[in-house]
Amino acid sequence: MKGMRIIFILFFGIFFLTSCKSLKKVTSRDDSVSKANTRNRSSKNPTFIDGIEVTPGSTITSKHKTTATKQALYYEAASDNSNIEKADWLQLKYSIIMDASVERLTNISLLKKIEEWWGTKYCMGGSTKNCIDCSAFTHLLMHDVYNIDLPRTAFEQYHACDKISADELREGDLVFFRTGGRSVSHVGVYIMNNKFANASTSGGVLISDLNDPYWKSRFISAGRVLK
C-alpha cells in the first residue's frame, strides 16, 4: 500500500506539472491577444497636433477662399442690367482707343453718344445718321451731353467760346483747326489724353489725337463754353 501511495503521488505530481505548463501557454496566448486588441483600440484614438488653434465659433467648410472681390460682386449684381453691361463695354472700348484707364471714363452719356454716331460718314452741311459735318456733330454732342446750345458753324462756335491754352483743356472743351483757307474750318470736342471726338472728312465720326502730325500742324486754339 505504501508503494502504491508513492506511485500515486509521483503520478499526480507529474500530471500537475504538465497541466501547469499547458495552462501557462494558454494564459500567455490569451494575454498576447489582449495586448493586440489594446493596441488596435489605441490606434483609433485621435492624435493631437501641437500648434493648431481653432477660434471658438468658427467652422471650416472649404479649403478654398470664398470671399468675393468687389469686382465679382459688381458683375454679379449687374448681370441682369443691360445698361450697366453696355456701360462697362463702352468704358473698355474707349479706354483702349484713348489710352486711358477704365476708371477715368466716368461720363457714360458722352461715350454712348459718340458710340451712337461712330462711323457716320462726313458730308458738308449734313446733320443726320446718313452723313454729318464737324460743326453739326459738336452741336448735337454738346447739346445732348452737356445741355449747351452752340451756333451751327465751326466759325461761329469759335467766336462763341472763351479761348484757353492747350494745357488747360478738359472734357467738354472745343478744339479748332484750319484745314483750308484762312479761318477756322474744323472743330471737335475734347475728351482726355489729347483725344477729341469729331466728324472728319476722311473717317467720319471718330476719335482723333491732337498729337497726330496732321492735326498738330492745323491746330488753332481751344475754347470753353460756359452754360
Protein backbone atom coordinates (compact mmCIF):
# COMPACT_ATOMS: atom_id res chain seq x y z
CA MET A 1 0.00 0.00 0.00
CA LYS A 2 2.82 2.31 0.88
CA GLY A 3 4.35 1.59 -2.51
CA MET A 4 1.11 2.26 -4.29
CA ARG A 5 0.75 5.58 -2.44
CA ILE A 6 4.22 6.64 -3.53
CA ILE A 7 3.44 5.75 -7.15
CA PHE A 8 0.15 7.66 -6.97
CA ILE A 9 1.85 10.75 -5.54
CA LEU A 10 4.52 10.66 -8.26
CA PHE A 11 1.90 10.21 -10.97
CA PHE A 12 -0.22 13.08 -9.59
CA GLY A 13 2.84 15.34 -9.37
CA ILE A 14 3.81 14.69 -12.99
CA PHE A 15 0.23 15.30 -14.10
CA PHE A 16 0.06 18.54 -12.12
CA LEU A 17 3.31 19.89 -13.57
CA THR A 18 2.22 19.06 -17.10
CA SER A 19 -1.13 20.81 -16.60
CA CYS A 20 0.54 23.96 -15.24
CA LYS A 21 2.75 24.25 -18.31
CA SER A 22 -0.25 23.91 -20.61
CA LEU A 23 -2.17 26.42 -18.59
CA LYS A 24 0.76 28.83 -18.76
CA LYS A 25 0.87 28.55 -22.57
CA VAL A 26 -2.85 29.23 -22.86
CA THR A 27 -2.61 32.16 -20.49
CA SER A 28 0.31 33.58 -22.41
CA ARG A 29 -1.53 33.29 -25.72
CA ASP A 30 -4.63 34.97 -24.39
CA ASP A 31 -2.53 37.80 -22.94
CA SER A 32 -0.93 38.37 -26.30
CA VAL A 33 -4.32 38.70 -27.99
CA SER A 34 -5.43 41.08 -25.27
CA LYS A 35 -2.43 43.29 -25.86
CA ALA A 36 -3.05 43.27 -29.62
CA ASN A 37 -6.66 44.34 -29.10
CA THR A 38 -5.47 47.09 -26.79
CA ARG A 39 -3.07 48.34 -29.47
CA ASN A 40 -5.85 48.28 -32.09
CA ARG A 41 -8.18 50.25 -29.87
CA SER A 42 -5.42 52.74 -29.08
CA SER A 43 -4.78 53.35 -32.79
CA LYS A 44 -8.36 54.62 -33.17
CA ASN A 45 -7.93 57.33 -30.58
CA PRO A 46 -7.50 60.90 -32.03
CA THR A 47 -3.98 62.23 -32.45
CA PHE A 48 -3.41 65.77 -31.26
CA ILE A 49 -1.00 68.02 -33.17
CA ASP A 50 0.79 70.85 -31.41
CA GLY A 51 0.48 74.39 -32.79
CA ILE A 52 -3.07 74.08 -34.18
CA GLU A 53 -5.55 76.69 -32.96
CA VAL A 54 -9.26 76.88 -33.62
CA THR A 55 -11.21 80.02 -32.90
CA PRO A 56 -14.37 79.20 -30.95
CA GLY A 57 -17.49 79.56 -33.02
CA SER A 58 -15.75 79.25 -36.41
CA THR A 59 -16.43 76.46 -38.86
CA ILE A 60 -14.16 75.49 -41.72
CA THR A 61 -16.26 74.48 -44.70
CA SER A 62 -13.73 74.63 -47.53
CA LYS A 63 -10.03 74.82 -48.20
CA HIS A 64 -10.65 77.43 -50.86
CA LYS A 65 -11.12 81.14 -50.35
CA THR A 66 -14.74 82.15 -50.69
CA THR A 67 -14.51 85.88 -50.14
CA ALA A 68 -15.83 87.62 -53.26
CA THR A 69 -13.97 90.63 -54.63
CA LYS A 70 -15.74 93.92 -55.20
CA GLN A 71 -15.42 93.36 -58.91
CA ALA A 72 -17.01 89.91 -58.72
CA LEU A 73 -19.87 91.24 -56.61
CA TYR A 74 -20.34 94.14 -59.00
CA TYR A 75 -20.63 91.95 -62.07
CA GLU A 76 -22.89 89.50 -60.25
CA ALA A 77 -25.22 92.33 -59.27
CA ALA A 78 -25.11 93.79 -62.77
CA SER A 79 -25.63 90.53 -64.64
CA ASP A 80 -29.26 91.36 -65.37
CA ASN A 81 -28.76 95.05 -66.06
CA SER A 82 -28.12 95.58 -69.78
CA ASN A 83 -27.42 99.31 -69.34
CA ILE A 84 -24.63 98.67 -66.89
CA GLU A 85 -23.21 95.92 -69.06
CA LYS A 86 -23.20 98.25 -72.05
CA ALA A 87 -21.53 100.96 -69.99
CA ASP A 88 -18.81 98.51 -68.95
CA TRP A 89 -18.26 97.52 -72.57
CA LEU A 90 -18.06 101.16 -73.71
CA GLN A 91 -15.58 102.01 -70.97
CA LEU A 92 -13.37 99.13 -72.03
CA LYS A 93 -13.58 100.01 -75.72
CA TYR A 94 -12.81 103.70 -75.27
CA SER A 95 -10.14 103.14 -72.66
CA ILE A 96 -8.23 101.32 -75.41
CA ILE A 97 -8.96 103.97 -78.04
CA MET A 98 -7.97 106.83 -75.76
CA ASP A 99 -5.16 105.03 -73.94
CA ALA A 100 -6.79 105.76 -70.57
CA SER A 101 -7.75 103.66 -67.57
CA VAL A 102 -11.35 102.49 -67.37
CA GLU A 103 -11.76 104.29 -64.05
CA ARG A 104 -11.20 107.66 -65.74
CA LEU A 105 -14.06 107.18 -68.19
CA THR A 106 -16.91 108.18 -65.92
CA ASN A 107 -19.06 110.13 -68.38
CA ILE A 108 -21.09 107.24 -69.78
CA SER A 109 -23.52 109.60 -71.55
CA LEU A 110 -20.64 111.00 -73.59
CA LEU A 111 -19.42 107.53 -74.55
CA LYS A 112 -22.91 106.42 -75.52
CA LYS A 113 -23.42 109.46 -77.74
CA ILE A 114 -20.09 109.00 -79.50
CA GLU A 115 -20.83 105.32 -79.97
CA GLU A 116 -24.26 106.16 -81.37
CA TRP A 117 -22.70 108.27 -84.12
CA TRP A 118 -19.46 106.32 -84.53
CA GLY A 119 -18.54 105.80 -88.19
CA THR A 120 -21.22 108.10 -89.59
CA LYS A 121 -19.73 109.43 -92.81
CA TYR A 122 -18.92 113.09 -93.37
CA CYS A 123 -20.73 115.43 -95.71
CA MET A 124 -20.76 119.22 -95.82
CA GLY A 125 -23.99 120.56 -94.30
CA GLY A 126 -25.16 117.13 -93.14
CA SER A 127 -26.73 116.59 -89.72
CA THR A 128 -28.25 113.09 -89.84
CA LYS A 129 -27.15 109.47 -89.42
CA ASN A 130 -26.75 109.34 -93.20
CA CYS A 131 -23.96 111.92 -93.07
CA ILE A 132 -22.88 114.80 -90.84
CA ASP A 133 -20.31 117.59 -90.80
CA CYS A 134 -17.98 118.58 -87.96
CA SER A 135 -19.89 121.53 -86.52
CA ALA A 136 -23.22 119.69 -86.62
CA PHE A 137 -21.64 116.85 -84.67
CA THR A 138 -20.18 119.16 -81.98
CA HIS A 139 -23.51 120.97 -81.84
CA LEU A 140 -25.52 117.81 -81.07
CA LEU A 141 -22.85 116.35 -78.77
CA MET A 142 -22.67 119.48 -76.63
CA HIS A 143 -26.46 119.74 -76.53
CA ASP A 144 -27.22 116.10 -75.72
CA VAL A 145 -24.39 115.51 -73.24
CA TYR A 146 -23.73 118.92 -71.64
CA ASN A 147 -27.03 120.72 -72.35
CA ILE A 148 -25.14 123.52 -74.10
CA ASP A 149 -26.50 125.10 -77.30
CA LEU A 150 -23.88 126.12 -79.80
CA PRO A 151 -24.16 128.04 -83.08
CA ARG A 152 -24.28 125.90 -86.21
CA THR A 153 -20.92 126.51 -87.92
CA ALA A 154 -17.33 125.97 -86.74
CA PHE A 155 -16.54 129.65 -87.30
CA GLU A 156 -19.50 130.74 -85.14
CA GLN A 157 -18.63 128.20 -82.43
CA TYR A 158 -15.07 129.54 -82.35
CA HIS A 159 -16.31 133.04 -81.59
CA ALA A 160 -18.91 131.83 -79.09
CA CYS A 161 -16.41 130.41 -76.58
CA ASP A 162 -13.64 131.69 -74.32
CA LYS A 163 -10.19 130.88 -75.64
CA ILE A 164 -7.92 128.71 -73.49
CA SER A 165 -4.49 127.18 -73.95
CA ALA A 166 -3.97 123.54 -74.84
CA ASP A 167 -2.61 122.94 -71.32
CA GLU A 168 -5.97 123.92 -69.85
CA LEU A 169 -8.06 121.51 -71.91
CA ARG A 170 -10.58 119.37 -70.10
CA GLU A 171 -13.53 117.22 -71.11
CA GLY A 172 -16.21 119.18 -72.98
CA ASP A 173 -13.92 121.89 -74.33
CA LEU A 174 -13.73 122.61 -78.04
CA VAL A 175 -10.68 122.34 -80.29
CA PHE A 176 -10.45 124.33 -83.53
CA PHE A 177 -8.43 123.77 -86.68
CA ARG A 178 -7.70 125.42 -90.01
CA THR A 179 -7.90 122.68 -92.61
CA GLY A 180 -8.28 125.03 -95.58
CA GLY A 181 -8.47 128.77 -96.20
CA ARG A 182 -7.61 131.43 -93.63
CA SER A 183 -10.28 130.88 -91.00
CA VAL A 184 -11.49 128.13 -88.73
CA SER A 185 -12.83 125.25 -90.76
CA HIS A 186 -12.94 122.29 -88.39
CA VAL A 187 -13.99 121.69 -84.76
CA GLY A 188 -14.10 118.78 -82.33
CA VAL A 189 -14.98 118.07 -78.68
CA TYR A 190 -12.06 117.35 -76.37
CA ILE A 191 -12.24 114.27 -74.11
CA MET A 192 -8.88 113.47 -72.45
CA ASN A 193 -5.30 112.40 -73.14
CA ASN A 194 -5.10 114.77 -76.15
CA LYS A 195 -8.01 112.90 -77.75
CA PHE A 196 -11.08 114.58 -79.24
CA ALA A 197 -14.28 113.41 -80.91
CA ASN A 198 -15.05 114.83 -84.35
CA ALA A 199 -16.57 114.20 -87.75
CA SER A 200 -13.57 114.08 -90.08
CA THR A 201 -13.70 114.23 -93.86
CA SER A 202 -11.69 111.01 -94.18
CA GLY A 203 -13.13 108.72 -91.49
CA GLY A 204 -16.44 110.22 -90.47
CA VAL A 205 -17.27 110.32 -86.74
CA LEU A 206 -14.33 109.02 -84.74
CA ILE A 207 -11.76 110.00 -82.13
CA SER A 208 -8.57 111.75 -83.22
CA ASP A 209 -5.33 112.75 -81.47
CA LEU A 210 -4.08 116.32 -81.14
CA ASN A 211 -0.52 115.00 -81.39
CA ASP A 212 -1.17 113.49 -84.81
CA PRO A 213 1.02 115.45 -87.26
CA TYR A 214 -1.99 116.35 -89.41
CA TRP A 215 -3.99 117.88 -86.56
CA LYS A 216 -0.98 119.30 -84.75
CA SER A 217 0.03 121.36 -87.78
CA ARG A 218 -3.52 122.68 -88.25
CA PHE A 219 -4.46 123.39 -84.62
CA ILE A 220 -5.54 127.00 -83.98
CA SER A 221 -6.98 127.23 -80.50
CA ALA A 222 -9.05 125.62 -77.77
CA GLY A 223 -12.23 127.10 -76.39
CA ARG A 224 -14.52 126.66 -73.41
CA VAL A 225 -18.24 127.32 -73.48
CA LEU A 226 -19.89 128.13 -70.18
CA LYS A 227 -23.53 127.31 -69.58
